[in-house]
Protein backbone atom coordinates (compact mmCIF):
# COMPACT_ATOMS: atom_id res chain seq x y z
CA UNK A 1 0.01 0.00 0.00
CA UNK A 2 2.81 2.42 0.86
CA UNK A 3 4.64 1.63 -2.34
CA UNK A 4 1.46 2.26 -4.38
CA UNK A 5 1.04 5.61 -2.60
CA UNK A 6 4.62 6.58 -3.37
CA UNK A 7 4.17 5.55 -7.00
CA UNK A 8 1.01 7.67 -7.12
CA UNK A 9 2.81 10.70 -5.65
CA UNK A 10 5.70 10.44 -8.18
CA UNK A 11 3.32 9.89 -11.13
CA UNK A 12 1.21 12.88 -10.01
CA UNK A 13 4.34 15.10 -9.84
CA UNK A 14 5.41 13.98 -13.31
CA UNK A 15 1.96 14.64 -14.76
CA UNK A 16 1.87 18.09 -13.21
CA UNK A 17 5.30 18.98 -14.55
CA UNK A 18 4.34 17.80 -18.04
CA UNK A 19 1.24 19.98 -18.09
CA UNK A 20 3.08 22.96 -16.56
CA UNK A 21 5.68 22.83 -19.29
CA UNK A 22 3.12 24.56 -21.51
CA UNK A 23 4.05 27.83 -19.72
CA UNK A 24 7.43 27.81 -21.57
CA UNK A 25 5.67 28.52 -24.83
CA UNK A 26 7.96 26.32 -26.88
CA UNK A 27 6.64 24.03 -29.58
CA UNK A 28 7.88 21.04 -27.65
CA UNK A 29 5.89 22.13 -24.59
CA UNK A 30 2.63 21.39 -26.38
CA UNK A 31 3.68 17.80 -26.99
CA UNK A 32 4.79 17.49 -23.32
CA UNK A 33 1.47 18.97 -22.18
CA UNK A 34 -0.47 16.39 -24.26
CA UNK A 35 1.48 13.62 -22.48
CA UNK A 36 0.26 14.77 -19.07
CA UNK A 37 -2.23 11.80 -18.68
CA UNK A 38 0.65 9.33 -19.40
CA UNK A 39 2.16 9.05 -15.90
CA UNK A 40 -1.31 8.66 -14.35
CA UNK A 41 -2.15 5.86 -16.77
CA UNK A 42 1.16 4.11 -16.11
CA UNK A 43 0.49 4.25 -12.38
CA UNK A 44 -3.07 2.95 -12.88
CA UNK A 45 -2.10 0.17 -15.22
CA UNK A 46 1.04 -0.96 -13.41
CA UNK A 47 0.08 -0.41 -9.75
CA UNK A 48 -3.70 -0.60 -9.99
CA UNK A 49 -6.39 2.00 -9.72
CA UNK A 50 -5.58 3.33 -6.22
CA UNK A 51 -2.14 4.46 -7.38
CA UNK A 52 -3.68 6.01 -10.44
CA UNK A 53 -6.27 7.85 -8.36
CA UNK A 54 -3.53 9.22 -6.06
CA UNK A 55 -1.62 10.37 -9.10
CA UNK A 56 -4.67 12.10 -10.51
CA UNK A 57 -5.44 13.98 -7.25
CA UNK A 58 -1.80 14.84 -6.56
CA UNK A 59 -1.27 16.30 -10.10
CA UNK A 60 -4.40 18.38 -9.79
CA UNK A 61 -3.45 19.76 -6.33
CA UNK A 62 0.09 20.52 -7.36
CA UNK A 63 -1.10 22.45 -10.41
CA UNK A 64 -3.62 24.38 -8.32
CA UNK A 65 -0.86 25.42 -5.95
CA UNK A 66 2.06 25.86 -8.39
CA UNK A 67 0.22 27.80 -11.11
CA UNK A 68 -1.72 30.17 -8.82
CA UNK A 69 -0.71 33.75 -8.08
CA UNK A 70 -0.84 32.84 -4.43
CA UNK A 71 -2.89 30.41 -2.46
CA UNK A 72 -4.69 27.67 -4.36
CA UNK A 73 -6.34 28.02 -7.82
CA UNK A 74 -9.44 25.83 -7.35
CA UNK A 75 -10.70 26.37 -10.88
CA UNK A 76 -7.45 25.24 -12.44
CA UNK A 77 -7.18 22.18 -10.19
CA UNK A 78 -10.77 21.15 -10.89
CA UNK A 79 -10.44 21.78 -14.58
CA UNK A 80 -7.32 19.61 -14.87
CA UNK A 81 -8.90 16.93 -12.66
CA UNK A 82 -12.09 16.76 -14.85
CA UNK A 83 -10.48 17.08 -18.22
CA UNK A 84 -7.26 15.12 -17.85
CA UNK A 85 -6.61 13.41 -14.56
CA UNK A 86 -9.85 11.63 -13.82
CA UNK A 87 -10.36 10.43 -17.43
CA UNK A 88 -6.80 8.99 -17.41
CA UNK A 89 -7.47 7.18 -14.16
CA UNK A 90 -10.88 5.92 -15.35
CA UNK A 91 -9.61 4.53 -18.64
CA UNK A 92 -6.70 2.75 -16.99
CA UNK A 93 -9.17 1.33 -14.38
CA UNK A 94 -11.55 0.13 -17.17
CA UNK A 95 -8.67 -1.40 -19.10
CA UNK A 96 -8.01 -3.80 -16.19
CA UNK A 97 -11.62 -4.77 -15.57
CA UNK A 98 -12.39 -8.37 -16.28
CA UNK A 99 -15.11 -11.00 -15.77
CA UNK A 100 -13.81 -13.84 -13.55
CA UNK A 101 -14.96 -17.44 -13.22
CA UNK A 102 -15.59 -19.25 -9.97
CA UNK A 103 -11.87 -20.11 -9.51
CA UNK A 104 -10.92 -16.39 -9.80
CA UNK A 105 -9.24 -16.56 -13.23
CA UNK A 106 -10.29 -13.81 -15.62
CA UNK A 107 -12.15 -15.24 -18.59
CA UNK A 108 -13.04 -11.96 -20.36
CA UNK A 109 -11.27 -8.64 -20.19
CA UNK A 110 -12.90 -5.29 -20.87
CA UNK A 111 -13.09 -5.09 -24.69
CA UNK A 112 -10.69 -2.74 -26.41
CA UNK A 113 -13.42 -1.47 -28.80
CA UNK A 114 -15.70 -0.59 -25.88
CA UNK A 115 -12.76 1.31 -24.27
CA UNK A 116 -12.47 3.31 -27.47
CA UNK A 117 -16.16 4.12 -27.45
CA UNK A 118 -16.09 5.18 -23.78
CA UNK A 119 -13.17 7.44 -24.58
CA UNK A 120 -15.20 9.09 -27.34
CA UNK A 121 -18.16 9.75 -25.07
CA UNK A 122 -15.88 11.04 -22.31
CA UNK A 123 -14.38 13.46 -24.79
CA UNK A 124 -17.83 14.73 -25.82
CA UNK A 125 -18.82 15.17 -22.16
CA UNK A 126 -15.64 17.10 -21.32
CA UNK A 127 -16.01 19.34 -24.31
CA UNK A 128 -19.65 20.06 -23.40
CA UNK A 129 -18.48 21.10 -19.89
CA UNK A 130 -15.94 23.44 -21.49
CA UNK A 131 -18.76 24.94 -23.67
CA UNK A 132 -21.00 25.41 -20.64
CA UNK A 133 -18.19 27.28 -18.93
CA UNK A 134 -18.49 29.93 -21.70
CA UNK A 135 -22.27 30.27 -21.10
CA UNK A 136 -25.40 28.31 -20.38
CA UNK A 137 -27.16 29.45 -23.51
CA UNK A 138 -25.99 29.07 -27.06
CA UNK A 139 -25.95 32.82 -27.56
CA UNK A 140 -23.73 33.58 -24.52
CA UNK A 141 -21.47 30.60 -25.38
CA UNK A 142 -21.05 31.73 -29.01
CA UNK A 143 -20.31 35.34 -27.99
CA UNK A 144 -17.81 34.35 -25.33
CA UNK A 145 -16.03 31.82 -27.59
CA UNK A 146 -15.88 34.42 -30.40
CA UNK A 147 -14.27 36.91 -27.99
CA UNK A 148 -11.62 34.34 -26.96
CA UNK A 149 -10.78 33.50 -30.62
CA UNK A 150 -10.61 37.16 -31.55
CA UNK A 151 -8.28 37.85 -28.60
CA UNK A 152 -5.96 34.98 -29.67
CA UNK A 153 -6.02 36.32 -33.26
CA UNK A 154 -5.11 39.82 -32.06
CA UNK A 155 -2.11 38.38 -30.15
CA UNK A 156 -0.88 36.46 -33.22
CA UNK A 157 -1.30 39.51 -35.51
CA UNK A 158 -0.08 41.98 -32.90
CA UNK A 159 -3.29 44.05 -33.30
CA UNK A 160 -4.14 46.42 -30.42
CA UNK A 161 -7.62 46.42 -28.93
CA UNK A 162 -10.07 48.62 -30.81
CA UNK A 163 -8.14 48.35 -34.08
CA UNK A 164 -9.35 46.20 -37.02
CA UNK A 165 -7.56 42.86 -37.13
CA UNK A 166 -4.98 42.83 -39.94
CA UNK A 167 -6.28 39.63 -41.43
CA UNK A 168 -8.41 39.35 -44.59
CA UNK A 169 -11.98 38.42 -43.82
CA UNK A 170 -11.24 38.30 -40.12
CA UNK A 171 -14.90 38.13 -39.13
CA UNK A 172 -15.45 35.09 -41.42
CA UNK A 173 -12.39 33.40 -39.91
CA UNK A 174 -13.64 33.97 -36.36
CA UNK A 175 -17.09 32.63 -37.36
CA UNK A 176 -15.49 29.53 -38.92
CA UNK A 177 -13.24 28.95 -35.92
CA UNK A 178 -16.22 29.17 -33.57
CA UNK A 179 -17.95 26.43 -35.58
CA UNK A 180 -15.07 23.98 -35.71
CA UNK A 181 -12.77 24.66 -32.68
CA UNK A 182 -14.46 22.56 -30.04
CA UNK A 183 -15.62 19.68 -32.31
CA UNK A 184 -12.02 19.37 -33.54
CA UNK A 185 -10.80 19.52 -30.00
CA UNK A 186 -13.14 16.70 -29.17
CA UNK A 187 -11.66 14.46 -31.85
CA UNK A 188 -8.09 15.42 -31.00
CA UNK A 189 -8.68 14.58 -27.33
CA UNK A 190 -9.82 11.06 -28.38
CA UNK A 191 -6.68 10.51 -30.44
CA UNK A 192 -4.16 11.83 -27.96
CA UNK A 193 -5.83 10.11 -24.94
CA UNK A 194 -5.90 6.68 -26.64
CA UNK A 195 -2.34 7.10 -27.79
CA UNK A 196 -1.32 7.83 -24.21
CA UNK A 197 -3.24 4.78 -23.06
CA UNK A 198 -1.56 2.58 -25.71
CA UNK A 199 1.88 3.95 -24.87
CA UNK A 200 1.28 3.47 -21.10
CA UNK A 201 0.20 -0.15 -21.70
CA UNK A 202 3.34 -0.75 -23.74
CA UNK A 203 5.56 0.68 -21.04
CA UNK A 204 3.87 -1.32 -18.28
CA UNK A 205 3.94 -4.49 -20.37
CA UNK A 206 7.68 -4.01 -20.89
CA UNK A 207 8.12 -3.94 -17.18
CA UNK A 208 6.05 -7.16 -16.82
CA UNK A 209 3.48 -5.41 -14.64
CA UNK A 210 0.52 -5.42 -17.05
CA UNK A 211 -2.19 -7.67 -15.52
CA UNK A 212 -4.08 -8.35 -18.73
CA UNK A 213 -2.73 -10.07 -21.83
CA UNK A 214 -1.68 -7.53 -24.51
CA UNK A 215 -4.46 -7.78 -27.20
CA UNK A 216 -3.89 -7.89 -30.90
CA UNK A 217 -5.31 -4.39 -31.48
CA UNK A 218 -5.78 -4.51 -35.27
CA UNK A 219 -8.04 -7.57 -35.06
CA UNK A 220 -9.65 -7.05 -31.65
CA UNK A 221 -10.49 -3.35 -31.82
CA UNK A 222 -14.15 -3.58 -32.80
CA UNK A 223 -16.60 -0.93 -31.66
CA UNK A 224 -19.85 -2.11 -29.97
CA UNK A 225 -22.76 -2.58 -32.36
CA UNK A 226 -24.71 0.19 -30.63
CA UNK A 227 -21.97 2.75 -31.44
CA UNK A 228 -23.31 3.16 -34.97
CA UNK A 229 -26.79 3.90 -33.55
CA UNK A 230 -25.24 6.49 -31.28
CA UNK A 231 -23.41 8.14 -34.17
CA UNK A 232 -26.56 8.25 -36.29
CA UNK A 233 -28.57 9.78 -33.42
CA UNK A 234 -25.81 12.31 -32.68
CA UNK A 235 -25.76 13.39 -36.38
CA UNK A 236 -29.57 13.96 -36.26
CA UNK A 237 -29.37 15.90 -33.00
CA UNK A 238 -26.49 18.05 -34.39
CA UNK A 239 -28.37 18.73 -37.59
CA UNK A 240 -31.86 19.52 -36.27
CA UNK A 241 -31.76 20.22 -32.50
CA UNK A 242 -31.46 23.90 -31.54
CA UNK A 243 -29.00 25.61 -29.17
CA UNK A 244 -26.93 23.73 -26.68
CA UNK A 245 -28.62 20.36 -27.40
CA UNK A 246 -27.46 20.60 -30.99
CA UNK A 247 -24.03 21.59 -29.83
CA UNK A 248 -23.85 18.47 -27.64
CA UNK A 249 -24.83 16.43 -30.73
CA UNK A 250 -21.87 17.96 -32.60
CA UNK A 251 -19.48 16.91 -29.86
CA UNK A 252 -20.76 13.34 -29.65
CA UNK A 253 -20.57 13.16 -33.46
CA UNK A 254 -16.95 14.36 -33.42
CA UNK A 255 -15.97 11.94 -30.68
CA UNK A 256 -17.66 8.90 -32.26
CA UNK A 257 -16.25 9.80 -35.64
CA UNK A 258 -12.76 9.83 -34.10
CA UNK A 259 -13.52 6.34 -32.62
CA UNK A 260 -14.47 5.07 -36.10
CA UNK A 261 -11.34 6.68 -37.58
CA UNK A 262 -9.25 4.65 -35.06
CA UNK A 263 -11.17 1.56 -36.15
CA UNK A 264 -10.34 2.48 -39.79
CA UNK A 265 -6.63 2.56 -38.99
CA UNK A 266 -7.01 -0.82 -37.23
CA UNK A 267 -8.55 -2.16 -40.53
CA UNK A 268 -5.57 -0.81 -42.43
CA UNK A 269 -3.12 -2.66 -40.07
CA UNK A 270 -5.13 -5.86 -40.22
CA UNK A 271 -5.71 -6.15 -43.98
CA UNK A 272 -2.10 -5.33 -44.90
CA UNK A 273 -0.66 -8.21 -42.88
CA UNK A 274 1.21 -10.58 -45.07
CA UNK A 275 1.97 -7.94 -47.73
CA UNK A 276 5.59 -7.61 -48.72
CA UNK A 277 5.14 -3.88 -49.10
CA UNK A 278 3.28 -3.51 -45.76
CA UNK A 279 5.82 -1.13 -44.16
CA UNK A 280 5.79 1.05 -47.22
CA UNK A 281 1.98 1.14 -47.34
CA UNK A 282 1.59 1.94 -43.65
CA UNK A 283 4.34 4.57 -43.80
CA UNK A 284 2.72 6.21 -46.78
CA UNK A 285 -0.73 6.26 -45.17
CA UNK A 286 0.61 7.85 -41.95
CA UNK A 287 2.64 10.36 -43.97
CA UNK A 288 -0.53 11.31 -45.87
CA UNK A 289 -2.34 11.67 -42.49
CA UNK A 290 0.35 14.13 -41.37
CA UNK A 291 0.14 16.17 -44.58
CA UNK A 292 -3.60 15.92 -45.28
CA UNK A 293 -4.80 15.37 -41.73
CA UNK A 294 -8.55 15.77 -41.87
CA UNK A 295 -8.96 14.31 -45.41
CA UNK A 296 -7.02 11.22 -44.37
CA UNK A 297 -8.95 10.90 -41.08
CA UNK A 298 -12.25 11.19 -42.85
CA UNK A 299 -11.15 8.39 -45.14
CA UNK A 300 -10.24 6.37 -42.02
CA UNK A 301 -13.78 7.08 -40.68
CA UNK A 302 -15.27 5.75 -43.86
CA UNK A 303 -13.06 2.64 -43.64
CA UNK A 304 -14.14 2.11 -39.99
CA UNK A 305 -17.81 2.50 -40.85
CA UNK A 306 -17.52 0.15 -43.83
CA UNK A 307 -15.77 -2.51 -41.77
CA UNK A 308 -18.51 -2.16 -39.14
CA UNK A 309 -21.07 -3.34 -41.71
CA UNK A 310 -19.02 -5.48 -44.09
CA UNK A 311 -16.38 -6.99 -41.74
CA UNK A 312 -13.35 -6.63 -44.03
CA UNK A 313 -11.03 -7.85 -41.29
CA UNK A 314 -13.09 -10.98 -40.66
CA UNK A 315 -13.17 -11.82 -44.35
CA UNK A 316 -9.46 -11.28 -44.81
CA UNK A 317 -8.71 -13.36 -41.73
CA UNK A 318 -11.01 -16.20 -43.00
CA UNK A 319 -9.27 -16.11 -46.36
CA UNK A 320 -5.83 -16.37 -44.73
CA UNK A 321 -6.96 -19.22 -42.51
CA UNK A 322 -8.14 -21.17 -45.55
CA UNK A 323 -4.90 -20.30 -47.46
CA UNK A 324 -2.15 -20.22 -44.78
CA UNK A 325 0.57 -20.49 -47.46
CA UNK A 326 -0.30 -17.01 -48.65
CA UNK A 327 0.03 -15.43 -45.26
CA UNK A 328 3.57 -13.98 -45.00
CA UNK A 329 3.05 -12.21 -41.74
């Protein structure tokens, strides 16, 4: 118990330092900030959920104390706890859940695809809380977000308050940014959080502390059947519901779309097994993703949706099983 508490304290300190590195303003600091959930996840996966919970609380408290002007910044501590620390703890906790038989042996671990779907819904919920912090009505939310975006634009263009922003069609840019900023943030949160979880599991597995068997992600990452129903309903709500309800639909749509994009990349990894040019194909696809990010990600969403209905991975696996001589993997 004492060792787990110590691990939690160290992991919480590491998480707080990673997040606080954002204050340096360097490009590397953004990457370090995005890795803030990683120590919490490592503690939760390697030393169980109590160590992860200690890490989450310690990181939040340290940030509340260290980044305040004096005293304790409750808002910052709660914001980090809700948006980063608790989700990291929860996902590491769910990853180690399993159904046991009478003898105590685990016969079924928490499915990876369900973990991805939970992450998508968590992301939508967190983004909705952020939106509500701007205002409880759509009008106040939109106005406050527009002011924040305009302020950032003034900083980047070195435009004083009261002066027109020196950017062509600045008003149109602010309107576009208001429409896409938080939905994009929802999707990015899904990608970065799941990458941190994957990396944490790899680190813990390398230290032989991972309790569950490491799954074959390309073949086992299958979203629950009801996920497609949730995505369809979210699209309808986003398209037709007014105000904050429609906004919530946008966030759920973005989160679940990111989940299907991840499933699409799993399809890519699964169907290219056995190909001589597999490293080249995968490398080219990820290079395209870096250059044409959202176009490539939308293609991955389509691939994930198609596999959900047509089961490309199952068909390819069945073909390989019937023709093992053709499988070079």
